[in-house]
Amino acid sequence: MPASYRSRIAIDAAKQRGEPVDRALFFGPPGLGKTTPAILLAKEMGVSIRTTTGPVLERPGDLVGLLTGLRAGDILFIDEIHRLRPALEEFLHAVRDGGPAARRGSRTGCGGGCGTTRQCGPTGR
């Protein structure tokens, strides 16, 4: 089953439920085009997309700055997510799962859990 078909199923199902598409991981070699599907997903769902790269993010405050600008359903796209620092991985998981970091930063769009904001993380690994 082609990836485009599976993507269409996920998008249509999310629209029928009135929810964002769940988080996604795009993988492949550099230059394959992992950013393009994330941009198309945002366009198809009618939401905004914020992009960054794993190596640029150095501390939780960097992520908070990105997350506070997101609205319900928006996509956070982290290119080279495999290069994200372990402490930031933990922070991102806590925000997604509605942990203490999410409660401290209720403007992240993840106040009661990350049911309102989605993450896309492409990786070359």
PDB file of N, CA and C in Angstrom:
ATOM      1  N   MET A   1       0.850  -1.170   0.000  1.00  0.00           N
ATOM      2  CA  MET A   1       0.000   0.000   0.000  1.00  0.00           C
ATOM      3  C   MET A   1       0.906   1.247   0.000  1.00  0.00           C
ATOM      4  N   PRO A   2       0.776   2.142  -0.985  1.00  0.00           N
ATOM      5  CA  PRO A   2       1.633   3.324  -1.069  1.00  0.00           C
ATOM      6  C   PRO A   2       1.416   4.276   0.104  1.00  0.00           C
ATOM      7  N   ALA A   3       2.471   4.998   0.447  1.00  0.00           N
ATOM      8  CA  ALA A   3       2.410   5.952   1.557  1.00  0.00           C
ATOM      9  C   ALA A   3       1.335   7.010   1.314  1.00  0.00           C
ATOM     10  N   SER A   4       1.161   7.434   0.067  1.00  0.00           N
ATOM     11  CA  SER A   4       0.159   8.456  -0.228  1.00  0.00           C
ATOM     12  C   SER A   4      -1.251   7.956   0.099  1.00  0.00           C
ATOM     13  N   TYR A   5      -1.492   6.670  -0.119  1.00  0.00           N
ATOM     14  CA  TYR A   5      -2.801   6.090   0.195  1.00  0.00           C
ATOM     15  C   TYR A   5      -3.017   6.049   1.708  1.00  0.00           C
ATOM     16  N   ARG A   6      -1.982   5.624   2.442  1.00  0.00           N
ATOM     17  CA  ARG A   6      -2.090   5.581   3.911  1.00  0.00           C
ATOM     18  C   ARG A   6      -2.269   6.988   4.475  1.00  0.00           C
ATOM     19  N   SER A   7      -1.563   7.963   3.891  1.00  0.00           N
ATOM     20  CA  SER A   7      -1.704   9.353   4.333  1.00  0.00           C
ATOM     21  C   SER A   7      -3.118   9.853   4.106  1.00  0.00           C
ATOM     22  N   ARG A   8      -3.687   9.536   2.956  1.00  0.00           N
ATOM     23  CA  ARG A   8      -5.050   9.957   2.639  1.00  0.00           C
ATOM     24  C   ARG A   8      -6.034   9.374   3.637  1.00  0.00           C
ATOM     25  N   ILE A   9      -5.856   8.123   4.008  1.00  0.00           N
ATOM     26  CA  ILE A   9      -6.732   7.486   4.999  1.00  0.00           C
ATOM     27  C   ILE A   9      -6.623   8.222   6.334  1.00  0.00           C
ATOM     28  N   ALA A  10      -5.400   8.507   6.771  1.00  0.00           N
ATOM     29  CA  ALA A  10      -5.192   9.197   8.053  1.00  0.00           C
ATOM     30  C   ALA A  10      -5.800  10.597   8.036  1.00  0.00           C
ATOM     31  N   ILE A  11      -5.606  11.314   6.942  1.00  0.00           N
ATOM     32  CA  ILE A  11      -6.145  12.679   6.832  1.00  0.00           C
ATOM     33  C   ILE A  11      -7.667  12.658   6.822  1.00  0.00           C
ATOM     34  N   ASP A  12      -8.242  11.788   6.009  1.00  0.00           N
ATOM     35  CA  ASP A  12      -9.711  11.709   5.934  1.00  0.00           C
ATOM     36  C   ASP A  12     -10.321  11.305   7.278  1.00  0.00           C
ATOM     37  N   ALA A  13      -9.693  10.349   7.947  1.00  0.00           N
ATOM     38  CA  ALA A  13     -10.208   9.904   9.253  1.00  0.00           C
ATOM     39  C   ALA A  13     -10.126  11.032  10.278  1.00  0.00           C
ATOM     40  N   ALA A  14      -9.015  11.760  10.287  1.00  0.00           N
ATOM     41  CA  ALA A  14      -8.862  12.872  11.231  1.00  0.00           C
ATOM     42  C   ALA A  14      -9.910  13.950  10.961  1.00  0.00           C
ATOM     43  N   LYS A  15     -10.134  14.250   9.706  1.00  0.00           N
ATOM     44  CA  LYS A  15     -11.148  15.257   9.361  1.00  0.00           C
ATOM     45  C   LYS A  15     -12.535  14.811   9.800  1.00  0.00           C
ATOM     46  N   GLN A  16     -12.866  13.531   9.600  1.00  0.00           N
ATOM     47  CA  GLN A  16     -14.179  13.020  10.008  1.00  0.00           C
ATOM     48  C   GLN A  16     -14.361  13.099  11.519  1.00  0.00           C
ATOM     49  N   ARG A  17     -13.271  12.867  12.271  1.00  0.00           N
ATOM     50  CA  ARG A  17     -13.337  12.944  13.730  1.00  0.00           C
ATOM     51  C   ARG A  17     -13.255  14.378  14.237  1.00  0.00           C
ATOM     52  N   GLY A  18     -12.859  15.309  13.365  1.00  0.00           N
ATOM     53  CA  GLY A  18     -12.682  16.695  13.775  1.00  0.00           C
ATOM     54  C   GLY A  18     -11.441  16.876  14.629  1.00  0.00           C
ATOM     55  N   GLU A  19     -10.446  16.044  14.385  1.00  0.00           N
ATOM     56  CA  GLU A  19      -9.200  16.072  15.154  1.00  0.00           C
ATOM     57  C   GLU A  19      -8.013  16.243  14.219  1.00  0.00           C
ATOM     58  N   PRO A  20      -6.867  16.654  14.776  1.00  0.00           N
ATOM     59  CA  PRO A  20      -5.652  16.698  13.955  1.00  0.00           C
ATOM     60  C   PRO A  20      -5.147  15.286  13.661  1.00  0.00           C
ATOM     61  N   VAL A  21      -4.354  15.159  12.614  1.00  0.00           N
ATOM     62  CA  VAL A  21      -3.693  13.893  12.327  1.00  0.00           C
ATOM     63  C   VAL A  21      -2.687  13.655  13.445  1.00  0.00           C
ATOM     64  N   ASP A  22      -2.540  12.406  13.880  1.00  0.00           N
ATOM     65  CA  ASP A  22      -1.607  12.089  14.953  1.00  0.00           C
ATOM     66  C   ASP A  22      -0.176  12.352  14.504  1.00  0.00           C
ATOM     67  N   ARG A  23       0.776  12.308  15.434  1.00  0.00           N
ATOM     68  CA  ARG A  23       2.178  12.596  15.094  1.00  0.00           C
ATOM     69  C   ARG A  23       2.698  11.629  14.037  1.00  0.00           C
ATOM     70  N   ALA A  24       3.701  12.113  13.310  1.00  0.00           N
ATOM     71  CA  ALA A  24       4.238  11.328  12.195  1.00  0.00           C
ATOM     72  C   ALA A  24       5.757  11.412  12.199  1.00  0.00           C
ATOM     73  N   LEU A  25       6.388  10.389  11.662  1.00  0.00           N
ATOM     74  CA  LEU A  25       7.836  10.363  11.504  1.00  0.00           C
ATOM     75  C   LEU A  25       8.132  10.039  10.052  1.00  0.00           C
ATOM     76  N   PHE A  26       8.815  10.966   9.371  1.00  0.00           N
ATOM     77  CA  PHE A  26       9.230  10.753   7.996  1.00  0.00           C
ATOM     78  C   PHE A  26      10.708  10.410   8.027  1.00  0.00           C
ATOM     79  N   PHE A  27      11.101   9.347   7.341  1.00  0.00           N
ATOM     80  CA  PHE A  27      12.510   8.973   7.365  1.00  0.00           C
ATOM     81  C   PHE A  27      13.008   8.671   5.963  1.00  0.00           C
ATOM     82  N   GLY A  28      14.315   8.841   5.792  1.00  0.00           N
ATOM     83  CA  GLY A  28      14.945   8.576   4.516  1.00  0.00           C
ATOM     84  C   GLY A  28      16.230   9.367   4.412  1.00  0.00           C
ATOM     85  N   PRO A  29      16.982   9.140   3.343  1.00  0.00           N
ATOM     86  CA  PRO A  29      18.264   9.826   3.179  1.00  0.00           C
ATOM     87  C   PRO A  29      18.081  11.328   2.956  1.00  0.00           C
ATOM     88  N   PRO A  30      19.134  12.116   3.218  1.00  0.00           N
ATOM     89  CA  PRO A  30      19.061  13.559   2.970  1.00  0.00           C
ATOM     90  C   PRO A  30      18.656  13.843   1.522  1.00  0.00           C
ATOM     91  N   GLY A  31      17.811  14.835   1.367  1.00  0.00           N
ATOM     92  CA  GLY A  31      17.392  15.230   0.031  1.00  0.00           C
ATOM     93  C   GLY A  31      16.225  14.430  -0.529  1.00  0.00           C
ATOM     94  N   LEU A  32      15.714  13.491   0.235  1.00  0.00           N
ATOM     95  CA  LEU A  32      14.617  12.650  -0.242  1.00  0.00           C
ATOM     96  C   LEU A  32      13.307  13.433  -0.356  1.00  0.00           C
ATOM     97  N   GLY A  33      13.139  14.457   0.462  1.00  0.00           N
ATOM     98  CA  GLY A  33      11.904  15.240   0.425  1.00  0.00           C
ATOM     99  C   GLY A  33      10.989  14.924   1.582  1.00  0.00           C
ATOM    100  N   LYS A  34      11.514  15.036   2.799  1.00  0.00           N
ATOM    101  CA  LYS A  34      10.690  14.754   3.977  1.00  0.00           C
ATOM    102  C   LYS A  34       9.910  15.989   4.421  1.00  0.00           C
ATOM    103  N   THR A  35      10.408  17.156   4.093  1.00  0.00           N
ATOM    104  CA  THR A  35       9.720  18.392   4.473  1.00  0.00           C
ATOM    105  C   THR A  35       8.442  18.577   3.654  1.00  0.00           C
ATOM    106  N   THR A  36       8.485  18.237   2.399  1.00  0.00           N
ATOM    107  CA  THR A  36       7.338  18.447   1.508  1.00  0.00           C
ATOM    108  C   THR A  36       6.060  17.764   1.994  1.00  0.00           C
ATOM    109  N   PRO A  37       6.108  16.486   2.407  1.00  0.00           N
ATOM    110  CA  PRO A  37       4.859  15.884   2.896  1.00  0.00           C
ATOM    111  C   PRO A  37       4.307  16.582   4.139  1.00  0.00           C
ATOM    112  N   ALA A  38       5.182  17.088   4.994  1.00  0.00           N
ATOM    113  CA  ALA A  38       4.712  17.796   6.190  1.00  0.00           C
ATOM    114  C   ALA A  38       4.002  19.089   5.808  1.00  0.00           C
ATOM    115  N   ILE A  39       4.550  19.793   4.834  1.00  0.00           N
ATOM    116  CA  ILE A  39       3.918  21.023   4.358  1.00  0.00           C
ATOM    117  C   ILE A  39       2.579  20.706   3.694  1.00  0.00           C
ATOM    118  N   LEU A  40       2.549  19.644   2.907  1.00  0.00           N
ATOM    119  CA  LEU A  40       1.293  19.235   2.260  1.00  0.00           C
ATOM    120  C   LEU A  40       0.251  18.803   3.294  1.00  0.00           C
ATOM    121  N   LEU A  41       0.693  18.123   4.339  1.00  0.00           N
ATOM    122  CA  LEU A  41      -0.217  17.702   5.404  1.00  0.00           C
ATOM    123  C   LEU A  41      -0.850  18.925   6.068  1.00  0.00           C
ATOM    124  N   ALA A  42      -0.026  19.927   6.377  1.00  0.00           N
ATOM    125  CA  ALA A  42      -0.547  21.145   7.002  1.00  0.00           C
ATOM    126  C   ALA A  42      -1.554  21.830   6.083  1.00  0.00           C
ATOM    127  N   LYS A  43      -1.212  21.916   4.804  1.00  0.00           N
ATOM    128  CA  LYS A  43      -2.119  22.551   3.846  1.00  0.00           C
ATOM    129  C   LYS A  43      -3.434  21.780   3.746  1.00  0.00           C
ATOM    130  N   GLU A  44      -3.344  20.465   3.657  1.00  0.00           N
ATOM    131  CA  GLU A  44      -4.536  19.623   3.545  1.00  0.00           C
ATOM    132  C   GLU A  44      -5.435  19.748   4.783  1.00  0.00           C
ATOM    133  N   MET A  45      -4.815  19.853   5.946  1.00  0.00           N
ATOM    134  CA  MET A  45      -5.590  19.948   7.185  1.00  0.00           C
ATOM    135  C   MET A  45      -6.023  21.387   7.489  1.00  0.00           C
ATOM    136  N   GLY A  46      -5.496  22.360   6.732  1.00  0.00           N
ATOM    137  CA  GLY A  46      -5.874  23.758   6.936  1.00  0.00           C
ATOM    138  C   GLY A  46      -5.271  24.361   8.190  1.00  0.00           C
ATOM    139  N   VAL A  47      -4.050  23.940   8.527  1.00  0.00           N
ATOM    140  CA  VAL A  47      -3.373  24.456   9.718  1.00  0.00           C
ATOM    141  C   VAL A  47      -2.018  25.033   9.336  1.00  0.00           C
ATOM    142  N   SER A  48      -1.408  25.723  10.268  1.00  0.00           N
ATOM    143  CA  SER A  48      -0.078  26.287  10.057  1.00  0.00           C
ATOM    144  C   SER A  48       0.988  25.257  10.411  1.00  0.00           C
ATOM    145  N   ILE A  49       2.180  25.469   9.897  1.00  0.00           N
ATOM    146  CA  ILE A  49       3.310  24.600  10.208  1.00  0.00           C
ATOM    147  C   ILE A  49       4.479  25.477  10.634  1.00  0.00           C
ATOM    148  N   ARG A  50       5.116  25.096  11.734  1.00  0.00           N
ATOM    149  CA  ARG A  50       6.337  25.765  12.202  1.00  0.00           C
ATOM    150  C   ARG A  50       7.469  24.774  12.002  1.00  0.00           C
ATOM    151  N   THR A  51       8.563  25.221  11.397  1.00  0.00           N
ATOM    152  CA  THR A  51       9.678  24.328  11.131  1.00  0.00           C
ATOM    153  C   THR A  51      10.933  24.779  11.860  1.00  0.00           C
ATOM    154  N   THR A  52      11.723  23.806  12.254  1.00  0.00           N
ATOM    155  CA  THR A  52      13.021  24.047  12.878  1.00  0.00           C
ATOM    156  C   THR A  52      13.869  22.804  12.629  1.00  0.00           C
ATOM    157  N   THR A  53      15.079  22.798  13.152  1.00  0.00           N
ATOM    158  CA  THR A  53      15.930  21.611  13.049  1.00  0.00           C
ATOM    159  C   THR A  53      16.418  21.214  14.430  1.00  0.00           C
ATOM    160  N   GLY A  54      16.635  19.930  14.623  1.00  0.00           N
ATOM    161  CA  GLY A  54      17.097  19.416  15.905  1.00  0.00           C
ATOM    162  C   GLY A  54      18.358  20.092  16.427  1.00  0.00           C
ATOM    163  N   PRO A  55      19.409  20.253  15.603  1.00  0.00           N
ATOM    164  CA  PRO A  55      20.650  20.849  16.100  1.00  0.00           C
ATOM    165  C   PRO A  55      20.517  22.299  16.569  1.00  0.00           C
ATOM    166  N   VAL A  56      19.526  23.022  16.065  1.00  0.00           N
ATOM    167  CA  VAL A  56      19.351  24.426  16.444  1.00  0.00           C
ATOM    168  C   VAL A  56      18.782  24.554  17.850  1.00  0.00           C
ATOM    169  N   LEU A  57      18.015  23.576  18.280  1.00  0.00           N
ATOM    170  CA  LEU A  57      17.382  23.610  19.597  1.00  0.00           C
ATOM    171  C   LEU A  57      18.379  23.166  20.655  1.00  0.00           C
ATOM    172  N   GLU A  58      18.691  24.064  21.589  1.00  0.00           N
ATOM    173  CA  GLU A  58      19.704  23.751  22.591  1.00  0.00           C
ATOM    174  C   GLU A  58      19.150  23.541  23.989  1.00  0.00           C
ATOM    175  N   ARG A  59      18.018  24.178  24.318  1.00  0.00           N
ATOM    176  CA  ARG A  59      17.466  24.064  25.674  1.00  0.00           C
ATOM    177  C   ARG A  59      15.931  24.113  25.601  1.00  0.00           C
ATOM    178  N   PRO A  60      15.264  23.692  26.668  1.00  0.00           N
ATOM    179  CA  PRO A  60      13.798  23.685  26.658  1.00  0.00           C
ATOM    180  C   PRO A  60      13.178  25.029  26.279  1.00  0.00           C
ATOM    181  N   GLY A  61      13.823  26.113  26.668  1.00  0.00           N
ATOM    182  CA  GLY A  61      13.292  27.434  26.338  1.00  0.00           C
ATOM    183  C   GLY A  61      13.153  27.650  24.830  1.00  0.00           C
ATOM    184  N   ASP A  62      14.048  27.024  24.066  1.00  0.00           N
ATOM    185  CA  ASP A  62      13.954  27.126  22.608  1.00  0.00           C
ATOM    186  C   ASP A  62      12.671  26.477  22.107  1.00  0.00           C
ATOM    187  N   LEU A  63      12.324  25.345  22.692  1.00  0.00           N
ATOM    188  CA  LEU A  63      11.090  24.658  22.309  1.00  0.00           C
ATOM    189  C   LEU A  63       9.860  25.430  22.783  1.00  0.00           C
ATOM    190  N   VAL A  64       9.934  25.987  23.985  1.00  0.00           N
ATOM    191  CA  VAL A  64       8.797  26.744  24.515  1.00  0.00           C
ATOM    192  C   VAL A  64       8.475  27.904  23.587  1.00  0.00           C
ATOM    193  N   GLY A  65       9.519  28.563  23.075  1.00  0.00           N
ATOM    194  CA  GLY A  65       9.294  29.663  22.147  1.00  0.00           C
ATOM    195  C   GLY A  65       8.530  29.230  20.909  1.00  0.00           C
ATOM    196  N   LEU A  66       8.848  28.050  20.397  1.00  0.00           N
ATOM    197  CA  LEU A  66       8.127  27.525  19.228  1.00  0.00           C
ATOM    198  C   LEU A  66       6.710  27.099  19.592  1.00  0.00           C
ATOM    199  N   LEU A  67       6.580  26.403  20.713  1.00  0.00           N
ATOM    200  CA  LEU A  67       5.284  25.853  21.103  1.00  0.00           C
ATOM    201  C   LEU A  67       4.264  26.917  21.467  1.00  0.00           C
ATOM    202  N   THR A  68       4.715  28.011  22.052  1.00  0.00           N
ATOM    203  CA  THR A  68       3.762  29.053  22.450  1.00  0.00           C
ATOM    204  C   THR A  68       3.139  29.747  21.248  1.00  0.00           C
ATOM    205  N   GLY A  69       3.789  29.664  20.096  1.00  0.00           N
ATOM    206  CA  GLY A  69       3.234  30.277  18.893  1.00  0.00           C
ATOM    207  C   GLY A  69       2.270  29.378  18.141  1.00  0.00           C
ATOM    208  N   LEU A  70       2.098  28.150  18.588  1.00  0.00           N
ATOM    209  CA  LEU A  70       1.214  27.211  17.900  1.00  0.00           C
ATOM    210  C   LEU A  70      -0.235  27.377  18.346  1.00  0.00           C
ATOM    211  N   ARG A  71      -1.131  27.178  17.401  1.00  0.00           N
ATOM    212  CA  ARG A  71      -2.558  27.152  17.713  1.00  0.00           C
ATOM    213  C   ARG A  71      -3.047  25.709  17.630  1.00  0.00           C
ATOM    214  N   ALA A  72      -4.246  25.487  18.066  1.00  0.00           N
ATOM    215  CA  ALA A  72      -4.812  24.133  18.047  1.00  0.00           C
ATOM    216  C   ALA A  72      -4.707  23.530  16.652  1.00  0.00           C
ATOM    217  N   GLY A  73      -4.136  22.323  16.584  1.00  0.00           N
ATOM    218  CA  GLY A  73      -4.015  21.606  15.323  1.00  0.00           C
ATOM    219  C   GLY A  73      -2.773  21.908  14.517  1.00  0.00           C
ATOM    220  N   ASP A  74      -2.055  22.982  14.855  1.00  0.00           N
ATOM    221  CA  ASP A  74      -0.856  23.336  14.107  1.00  0.00           C
ATOM    222  C   ASP A  74       0.189  22.229  14.181  1.00  0.00           C
ATOM    223  N   ILE A  75       1.099  22.234  13.222  1.00  0.00           N
ATOM    224  CA  ILE A  75       2.137  21.214  13.132  1.00  0.00           C
ATOM    225  C   ILE A  75       3.486  21.806  13.484  1.00  0.00           C
ATOM    226  N   LEU A  76       4.223  21.115  14.338  1.00  0.00           N
ATOM    227  CA  LEU A  76       5.611  21.454  14.637  1.00  0.00           C
ATOM    228  C   LEU A  76       6.466  20.439  13.895  1.00  0.00           C
ATOM    229  N   PHE A  77       7.251  20.912  12.941  1.00  0.00           N
ATOM    230  CA  PHE A  77       8.103  20.055  12.108  1.00  0.00           C
ATOM    231  C   PHE A  77       9.549  20.247  12.550  1.00  0.00           C
ATOM    232  N   ILE A  78      10.163  19.186  13.073  1.00  0.00           N
ATOM    233  CA  ILE A  78      11.555  19.251  13.534  1.00  0.00           C
ATOM    234  C   ILE A  78      12.404  18.408  12.599  1.00  0.00           C
ATOM    235  N   ASP A  79      13.112  19.072  11.703  1.00  0.00           N
ATOM    236  CA  ASP A  79      13.999  18.382  10.780  1.00  0.00           C
ATOM    237  C   ASP A  79      15.207  17.880  11.558  1.00  0.00           C
ATOM    238  N   GLU A  80      15.772  16.786  11.130  1.00  0.00           N
ATOM    239  CA  GLU A  80      16.919  16.164  11.801  1.00  0.00           C
ATOM    240  C   GLU A  80      16.614  15.910  13.288  1.00  0.00           C
ATOM    241  N   ILE A  81      15.426  15.391  13.545  1.00  0.00           N
ATOM    242  CA  ILE A  81      15.000  15.175  14.925  1.00  0.00           C
ATOM    243  C   ILE A  81      15.901  14.177  15.654  1.00  0.00           C
ATOM    244  N   HIS A  82      16.579  13.325  14.896  1.00  0.00           N
ATOM    245  CA  HIS A  82      17.503  12.358  15.512  1.00  0.00           C
ATOM    246  C   HIS A  82      18.698  13.050  16.159  1.00  0.00           C
ATOM    247  N   ARG A  83      18.924  14.331  15.853  1.00  0.00           N
ATOM    248  CA  ARG A  83      20.027  15.086  16.451  1.00  0.00           C
ATOM    249  C   ARG A  83      19.574  15.956  17.615  1.00  0.00           C
ATOM    250  N   LEU A  84      18.327  15.795  18.049  1.00  0.00           N
ATOM    251  CA  LEU A  84      17.794  16.541  19.185  1.00  0.00           C
ATOM    252  C   LEU A  84      18.463  16.061  20.463  1.00  0.00           C
ATOM    253  N   ARG A  85      18.819  16.988  21.326  1.00  0.00           N
ATOM    254  CA  ARG A  85      19.458  16.632  22.602  1.00  0.00           C
ATOM    255  C   ARG A  85      18.495  15.796  23.453  1.00  0.00           C
ATOM    256  N   PRO A  86      19.024  14.815  24.202  1.00  0.00           N
ATOM    257  CA  PRO A  86      18.157  13.951  25.021  1.00  0.00           C
ATOM    258  C   PRO A  86      17.251  14.721  25.984  1.00  0.00           C
ATOM    259  N   ALA A  87      17.765  15.779  26.605  1.00  0.00           N
ATOM    260  CA  ALA A  87      16.937  16.559  27.531  1.00  0.00           C
ATOM    261  C   ALA A  87      15.743  17.185  26.804  1.00  0.00           C
ATOM    262  N   LEU A  88      15.956  17.594  25.562  1.00  0.00           N
ATOM    263  CA  LEU A  88      14.868  18.182  24.792  1.00  0.00           C
ATOM    264  C   LEU A  88      13.879  17.121  24.334  1.00  0.00           C
ATOM    265  N   GLU A  89      14.377  15.922  24.064  1.00  0.00           N
ATOM    266  CA  GLU A  89      13.470  14.815  23.734  1.00  0.00           C
ATOM    267  C   GLU A  89      12.516  14.572  24.893  1.00  0.00           C
ATOM    268  N   GLU A  90      13.069  14.527  26.103  1.00  0.00           N
ATOM    269  CA  GLU A  90      12.241  14.303  27.294  1.00  0.00           C
ATOM    270  C   GLU A  90      11.231  15.426  27.473  1.00  0.00           C
ATOM    271  N   PHE A  91      11.673  16.665  27.258  1.00  0.00           N
ATOM    272  CA  PHE A  91      10.781  17.813  27.382  1.00  0.00           C
ATOM    273  C   PHE A  91       9.651  17.716  26.368  1.00  0.00           C
ATOM    274  N   LEU A  92       9.982  17.366  25.139  1.00  0.00           N
ATOM    275  CA  LEU A  92       8.977  17.253  24.091  1.00  0.00           C
ATOM    276  C   LEU A  92       7.972  16.144  24.406  1.00  0.00           C
ATOM    277  N   HIS A  93       8.459  15.026  24.935  1.00  0.00           N
ATOM    278  CA  HIS A  93       7.555  13.942  25.336  1.00  0.00           C
ATOM    279  C   HIS A  93       6.632  14.399  26.458  1.00  0.00           C
ATOM    280  N   ALA A  94       7.167  15.140  27.427  1.00  0.00           N
ATOM    281  CA  ALA A  94       6.354  15.618  28.547  1.00  0.00           C
ATOM    282  C   ALA A  94       5.264  16.567  28.061  1.00  0.00           C
ATOM    283  N   VAL A  95       5.606  17.449  27.139  1.00  0.00           N
ATOM    284  CA  VAL A  95       4.618  18.380  26.596  1.00  0.00           C
ATOM    285  C   VAL A  95       3.547  17.611  25.828  1.00  0.00           C
ATOM    286  N   ARG A  96       3.976  16.685  25.006  1.00  0.00           N
ATOM    287  CA  ARG A  96       3.033  15.901  24.206  1.00  0.00           C
ATOM    288  C   ARG A  96       2.081  15.109  25.097  1.00  0.00           C
ATOM    289  N   ASP A  97       2.613  14.554  26.184  1.00  0.00           N
ATOM    290  CA  ASP A  97       1.809  13.697  27.059  1.00  0.00           C
ATOM    291  C   ASP A  97       1.072  14.461  28.143  1.00  0.00           C
ATOM    292  N   GLY A  98       1.191  15.799  28.165  1.00  0.00           N
ATOM    293  CA  GLY A  98       0.478  16.600  29.147  1.00  0.00           C
ATOM    294  C   GLY A  98       1.094  16.572  30.524  1.00  0.00           C
ATOM    295  N   GLY A  99       2.398  16.343  30.610  1.00  0.00           N
ATOM    296  CA  GLY A  99       3.101  16.291  31.890  1.00  0.00           C
ATOM    297  C   GLY A  99       3.328  17.663  32.487  1.00  0.00           C
ATOM    298  N   PRO A 100       4.187  17.750  33.519  1.00  0.00           N
ATOM    299  CA  PRO A 100       4.421  19.014  34.213  1.00  0.00           C
ATOM    300  C   PRO A 100       4.866  20.143  33.288  1.00  0.00           C
ATOM    301  N   ALA A 101       5.674  19.836  32.287  1.00  0.00           N
ATOM    302  CA  ALA A 101       6.125  20.887  31.372  1.00  0.00           C
ATOM    303  C   ALA A 101       4.943  21.480  30.623  1.00  0.00           C
ATOM    304  N   ALA A 102       3.979  20.659  30.276  1.00  0.00           N
ATOM    305  CA  ALA A 102       2.795  21.149  29.567  1.00  0.00           C
ATOM    306  C   ALA A 102       1.942  22.008  30.483  1.00  0.00           C
ATOM    307  N   ARG A 103       1.837  21.617  31.751  1.00  0.00           N
ATOM    308  CA  ARG A 103       1.018  22.400  32.674  1.00  0.00           C
ATOM    309  C   ARG A 103       1.670  23.740  32.983  1.00  0.00           C
ATOM    310  N   ARG A 104       2.994  23.771  33.046  1.00  0.00           N
ATOM    311  CA  ARG A 104       3.688  25.039  33.284  1.00  0.00           C
ATOM    312  C   ARG A 104       3.501  25.977  32.103  1.00  0.00           C
ATOM    313  N   GLY A 105       3.495  25.442  30.882  1.00  0.00           N
ATOM    314  CA  GLY A 105       3.381  26.273  29.687  1.00  0.00           C
ATOM    315  C   GLY A 105       2.059  26.039  29.005  1.00  0.00           C
ATOM    316  N   SER A 106       0.975  26.438  29.651  1.00  0.00           N
ATOM    317  CA  SER A 106      -0.342  26.123  29.109  1.00  0.00           C
ATOM    318  C   SER A 106      -0.577  26.768  27.751  1.00  0.00           C
ATOM    319  N   ARG A 107       0.211  27.762  27.388  1.00  0.00           N
ATOM    320  CA  ARG A 107       0.046  28.380  26.078  1.00  0.00           C
ATOM    321  C   ARG A 107       0.675  27.544  24.978  1.00  0.00           C
ATOM    322  N   THR A 108       1.215  26.379  25.299  1.00  0.00           N
ATOM    323  CA  THR A 108       1.838  25.539  24.278  1.00  0.00           C
ATOM    324  C   THR A 108       0.808  24.865  23.399  1.00  0.00           C
ATOM    325  N   GLY A 109      -0.447  24.966  23.747  1.00  0.00           N
ATOM    326  CA  GLY A 109      -1.459  24.246  22.994  1.00  0.00           C
ATOM    327  C   GLY A 109      -1.583  22.815  23.487  1.00  0.00           C
ATOM    328  N   CYS A 110      -0.933  22.514  24.599  1.00  0.00           N
ATOM    329  CA  CYS A 110      -0.938  21.157  25.137  1.00  0.00           C
ATOM    330  C   CYS A 110      -1.409  21.167  26.577  1.00  0.00           C
ATOM    331  N   GLY A 111      -2.230  22.119  26.955  1.00  0.00           N
ATOM    332  CA  GLY A 111      -2.630  22.284  28.341  1.00  0.00           C
ATOM    333  C   GLY A 111      -3.089  21.032  29.046  1.00  0.00           C
ATOM    334  N   GLY A 112      -3.968  20.249  28.457  1.00  0.00           N
ATOM    335  CA  GLY A 112      -4.450  19.052  29.120  1.00  0.00           C
ATOM    336  C   GLY A 112      -3.915  17.789  28.468  1.00  0.00           C
ATOM    337  N   GLY A 113      -2.890  17.913  27.721  1.00  0.00           N
ATOM    338  CA  GLY A 113      -2.376  16.804  26.917  1.00  0.00           C
ATOM    339  C   GLY A 113      -2.167  17.357  25.531  1.00  0.00           C
ATOM    340  N   CYS A 114      -1.434  16.695  24.732  1.00  0.00           N
ATOM    341  CA  CYS A 114      -1.096  17.278  23.434  1.00  0.00           C
ATOM    342  C   CYS A 114      -2.069  16.848  22.357  1.00  0.00           C
ATOM    343  N   GLY A 115      -3.331  16.859  22.671  1.00  0.00           N
ATOM    344  CA  GLY A 115      -4.320  16.482  21.686  1.00  0.00           C
ATOM    345  C   GLY A 115      -4.592  17.579  20.687  1.00  0.00           C
ATOM    346  N   THR A 116      -3.989  18.758  20.873  1.00  0.00           N
ATOM    347  CA  THR A 116      -4.300  19.869  19.992  1.00  0.00           C
ATOM    348  C   THR A 116      -3.154  20.256  19.078  1.00  0.00           C
ATOM    349  N   THR A 117      -1.970  19.794  19.337  1.00  0.00           N
ATOM    350  CA  THR A 117      -0.813  20.161  18.529  1.00  0.00           C
ATOM    351  C   THR A 117      -0.121  18.897  18.075  1.00  0.00           C
ATOM    352  N   ARG A 118       0.346  18.868  16.842  1.00  0.00           N
ATOM    353  CA  ARG A 118       0.998  17.681  16.319  1.00  0.00           C
ATOM    354  C   ARG A 118       2.429  17.968  15.937  1.00  0.00           C
ATOM    355  N   GLN A 119       3.248  16.932  16.020  1.00  0.00           N
ATOM    356  CA  GLN A 119       4.663  17.036  15.702  1.00  0.00           C
ATOM    357  C   GLN A 119       4.976  16.133  14.522  1.00  0.00           C
ATOM    358  N   CYS A 120       5.827  16.626  13.645  1.00  0.00           N
ATOM    359  CA  CYS A 120       6.362  15.807  12.557  1.00  0.00           C
ATOM    360  C   CYS A 120       7.874  15.819  12.706  1.00  0.00           C
ATOM    361  N   GLY A 121       8.478  14.691  12.699  1.00  0.00           N
ATOM    362  CA  GLY A 121       9.917  14.628  12.850  1.00  0.00           C
ATOM    363  C   GLY A 121      10.566  13.780  11.784  1.00  0.00           C
ATOM    364  N   PRO A 122      11.240  14.422  10.815  1.00  0.00           N
ATOM    365  CA  PRO A 122      11.949  13.630   9.811  1.00  0.00           C
ATOM    366  C   PRO A 122      13.321  13.235  10.322  1.00  0.00           C
ATOM    367  N   THR A 123      13.797  12.125   9.906  1.00  0.00           N
ATOM    368  CA  THR A 123      15.113  11.674  10.328  1.00  0.00           C
ATOM    369  C   THR A 123      15.796  10.915   9.204  1.00  0.00           C
ATOM    370  N   GLY A 124      17.101  10.996   9.191  1.00  0.00           N
ATOM    371  CA  GLY A 124      17.884  10.254   8.207  1.00  0.00           C
ATOM    372  C   GLY A 124      18.290   8.907   8.726  1.00  0.00           C
ATOM    373  N   ARG A 125      17.984   8.645  10.011  1.00  0.00           N
ATOM    374  CA  ARG A 125      18.346   7.350  10.629  1.00  0.00           C
ATOM    375  C   ARG A 125      17.218   6.376  10.518  1.00  0.00           C
TER     376      ARG A 125
END
